[in-house]
């Protein structure tokens, strides 16, 4: 029978459809369809059962018996009309997760400035309750540090605080999708690996189905990279990133360092601080971008 579950809008409401290949048409067959979902303990709970001659069965995601975040199965048994005692073996569909998915489901990134694309998708259609711009689901994104050797703010930065899921034809496992980029914060502190959590919450949903739904979090592991250092000290002595050493006794404002790959540079201001006999300058001001 090969039952399979697909999402569908029926009269503006989200339904799941279980389709199965009909057996030989002669004599006509009946199908017993059992809908179930995984409980918190990982056991299946029956939510609906029907007997039908049709090669499909529908169940509504009403937010009560069937909610976002559920993993749903349909189990189908075929039998001849008039002889229900002669049944086929029951066949299970694959589990269908109804809700928000992140791809990838977890990230491990380094403090190297690279952007990593995170896709947010809905496996169920976005319903349009009105004629205004309510035909979307806005997700509020946030990050949280999950504990590290050095407490502090989250080690990740997002390209946006919100993403909007707009309705589109369901294809594969996606009925609406958006992307956000995730970057590790370069903080020059050696912390080993830090774990952060990226959360998404529906923002003021007009559809009751989304009202009490909290998508699964994404774990983001940030790996430190060795940090280069340069120095300007005393009168002043300079040590460059690659270890060269020299002195700079001049008075004025100078470019100490500049990045070729990002908007980062440091200026240093030096005043005379030596005697008439020994020329020397000291750092007295600094500007960094």
Foldseek 3Di string as FASTA:
>chain_A
DAWAWAWDADPLFIKIKIADDDDDVVPQKKKKKWKWWQDPVRDTDTLDIDIGSDRMDMDTCPLPSHAQQIWMKMWMKMDGVPCVVDIDDIDIHGTAHFFKDKVPQAAEEEQPFDKDKIKIFGQYFQGDPDDDPLSKWKKFKDKAWPDFPDDDGDQKDKPDRIDIWHADPRDDRGRTMDMIIMHGHDDQDQTAKTKMKMWIATDPHPDPSRVPDTDDIYIYIYGYDHDFDWDFFDLTWTADSVGDIDADLDAAKAWPDADPPDGKTKIWGWDFDDDPVDGGIGTDDMDID
